[in-house]
Amino acid sequence: MAFRGQYEHSLDSKDRLTIPARFRAALDEGVVLVAFLDSCVAVFSTSGYEKFTDEVLGGLSPLGRRGRMMVRRFNATAQDESLDSAGRVRLAKHLIEHAGLEGACVVVGADDHLEVWSPERWSEHYSEISEQAERMAEELAGEPGE
């Protein structure tokens, strides 16, 4: 299942986030929460995180400093969780602090995972994406910019 769309949710008083209903079945095997890049929290299915680590981190040399650092960066901040009967998942304090989450959150689909953003950080980041989208598309297509 591809994760798509934007959803407004909130952390409750016990630091739990309700996962959008349409994605709960895809995450019923369990989730891996990770302090992701760009100051957000990534929510992967367990198998999705294994695929991510195999494809992205698995190709890094354990003998190289940068490879070891990236493996540690992702796995040290990862947290295995499961959805409760109400479709909620608890976020650890280090993840909440990493993403600057306080109450309101934006849950964003990112194809193979979800991302949890503070509304302010998401707004800033999405503005940057919008401003650069055309240039990035041209670069990715191999065409020089104007």
Protein backbone atom coordinates (compact mmCIF):
# COMPACT_ATOMS: atom_id res chain seq x y z
CA MET A 1 0.00 0.00 0.00
CA ALA A 2 1.25 3.46 -0.83
CA PHE A 3 0.88 6.08 1.87
CA ARG A 4 -0.54 9.29 0.40
CA GLY A 5 -2.26 12.48 1.54
CA GLN A 6 -2.16 14.87 4.49
CA TYR A 7 -4.08 14.42 7.72
CA GLU A 8 -4.43 16.62 10.78
CA HIS A 9 -4.16 14.78 14.08
CA SER A 10 -2.94 15.47 17.61
CA LEU A 11 -0.83 13.81 20.25
CA ASP A 12 -2.94 12.97 23.27
CA SER A 13 -1.91 13.45 26.92
CA LYS A 14 -0.10 10.07 26.83
CA ASP A 15 1.93 11.00 23.71
CA ARG A 16 -0.14 8.75 21.46
CA LEU A 17 -0.91 9.58 17.84
CA THR A 18 -3.97 8.22 16.07
CA ILE A 19 -2.97 6.73 12.74
CA PRO A 20 -5.38 7.63 9.91
CA ALA A 21 -7.94 4.81 9.64
CA ARG A 22 -7.19 4.04 6.00
CA PHE A 23 -3.58 3.02 6.88
CA ARG A 24 -4.17 0.91 9.97
CA ALA A 25 -4.50 -2.43 8.18
CA ALA A 26 -1.14 -1.86 6.44
CA LEU A 27 0.45 -1.26 9.84
CA ASP A 28 -1.19 -4.07 11.82
CA GLU A 29 2.03 -6.14 11.82
CA GLY A 30 3.66 -3.40 13.87
CA VAL A 31 5.42 -0.13 13.17
CA VAL A 32 8.90 1.29 13.41
CA LEU A 33 9.07 4.95 14.37
CA VAL A 34 12.28 6.76 13.40
CA ALA A 35 13.69 10.24 13.96
CA PHE A 36 13.81 10.94 10.23
CA LEU A 37 15.58 13.60 8.25
CA ASP A 38 14.05 17.08 7.91
CA SER A 39 12.94 17.07 11.59
CA CYS A 40 9.99 14.72 11.31
CA VAL A 41 9.14 11.25 12.60
CA ALA A 42 8.82 8.46 10.02
CA VAL A 43 6.28 5.70 10.57
CA PHE A 44 7.18 2.52 8.68
CA SER A 45 5.53 -0.87 8.75
CA THR A 46 7.95 -3.38 10.25
CA SER A 47 8.60 -4.95 6.85
CA GLY A 48 8.85 -1.50 5.25
CA TYR A 49 11.59 -0.47 7.66
CA GLU A 50 13.46 -3.73 7.00
CA LYS A 51 13.26 -2.99 3.26
CA PHE A 52 14.47 0.60 3.84
CA THR A 53 17.43 -0.55 5.92
CA ASP A 54 18.30 -3.30 3.41
CA GLU A 55 18.13 -0.99 0.39
CA VAL A 56 19.53 2.23 1.84
CA LEU A 57 21.68 1.29 4.80
CA GLY A 58 22.58 -2.24 3.70
CA GLY A 59 24.79 -0.94 0.90
CA LEU A 60 26.93 1.12 3.27
CA SER A 61 30.28 -0.29 4.29
CA PRO A 62 30.51 -1.12 8.00
CA LEU A 63 34.22 -0.39 7.67
CA GLY A 64 33.67 3.22 6.66
CA ARG A 65 32.98 5.85 9.29
CA ARG A 66 30.11 7.49 7.38
CA GLY A 67 28.42 4.13 6.80
CA ARG A 68 28.60 3.25 10.48
CA MET A 69 27.34 6.70 11.45
CA MET A 70 24.28 6.48 9.18
CA VAL A 71 23.39 2.98 10.40
CA ARG A 72 23.65 4.22 13.98
CA ARG A 73 21.74 7.43 13.18
CA PHE A 74 18.69 5.57 11.99
CA ASN A 75 18.70 2.51 14.22
CA ALA A 76 19.56 4.26 17.48
CA THR A 77 16.52 6.50 17.07
CA ALA A 78 14.19 3.72 15.88
CA GLN A 79 11.39 2.50 18.14
CA ASP A 80 9.35 -0.66 17.59
CA GLU A 81 5.69 -0.22 18.49
CA SER A 82 2.28 -1.59 17.64
CA LEU A 83 -1.07 0.06 17.17
CA ASP A 84 -3.49 -0.21 20.08
CA SER A 85 -7.14 -1.20 19.61
CA ALA A 86 -8.02 2.45 18.81
CA GLY A 87 -5.35 2.72 16.09
CA ARG A 88 -2.96 4.80 18.20
CA VAL A 89 0.80 4.54 18.55
CA ARG A 90 2.90 5.98 21.37
CA LEU A 91 5.79 8.25 20.45
CA ALA A 92 8.86 8.29 22.70
CA LYS A 93 10.04 11.62 24.10
CA HIS A 94 13.16 11.69 21.90
CA LEU A 95 10.97 11.46 18.78
CA ILE A 96 8.62 14.18 19.99
CA GLU A 97 11.57 16.46 20.72
CA HIS A 98 13.26 15.67 17.38
CA ALA A 99 10.17 16.72 15.42
CA GLY A 100 9.07 19.54 17.72
CA LEU A 101 5.66 17.98 18.25
CA GLU A 102 3.26 19.62 20.69
CA GLY A 103 -0.38 18.66 20.41
CA ALA A 104 -1.38 19.23 16.78
CA CYS A 105 0.45 17.19 14.12
CA VAL A 106 0.32 16.76 10.38
CA VAL A 107 0.57 13.17 9.16
CA VAL A 108 1.91 13.12 5.61
CA GLY A 109 2.00 10.20 3.21
CA ALA A 110 5.45 9.62 1.72
CA ASP A 111 4.85 6.56 -0.49
CA ASP A 112 6.47 3.77 1.57
CA HIS A 113 5.98 5.42 4.98
CA LEU A 114 4.14 8.14 6.84
CA GLU A 115 5.79 11.24 8.29
CA VAL A 116 4.63 13.13 11.37
CA TRP A 117 5.37 16.85 11.35
CA SER A 118 4.63 19.81 13.54
CA PRO A 119 2.21 22.03 11.57
CA GLU A 120 4.70 24.91 11.54
CA ARG A 121 7.62 22.83 10.28
CA TRP A 122 5.43 21.14 7.66
CA SER A 123 4.18 24.49 6.38
CA GLU A 124 7.73 25.81 6.04
CA HIS A 125 8.98 22.61 4.43
CA TYR A 126 6.07 22.40 1.99
CA SER A 127 6.62 26.03 0.97
CA GLU A 128 10.23 25.15 0.16
CA ILE A 129 9.11 22.12 -1.85
CA SER A 130 6.60 24.21 -3.79
CA GLU A 131 9.16 26.91 -4.56
CA GLN A 132 11.73 24.41 -5.85
CA ALA A 133 9.55 21.71 -7.43
CA GLU A 134 9.90 22.82 -11.06
CA ARG A 135 13.68 23.27 -10.83
CA MET A 136 14.09 19.93 -9.08
CA ALA A 137 11.94 18.16 -11.69
CA GLU A 138 14.10 19.56 -14.50
CA GLU A 139 17.29 18.51 -12.71
CA LEU A 140 15.96 15.01 -12.08
CA ALA A 141 14.94 14.77 -15.74
CA GLY A 142 18.48 15.68 -16.75
CA GLU A 143 17.57 19.00 -18.33
CA PRO A 144 19.58 22.09 -17.45
CA GLY A 145 17.73 24.87 -15.67
CA GLU A 146 17.10 28.20 -17.31
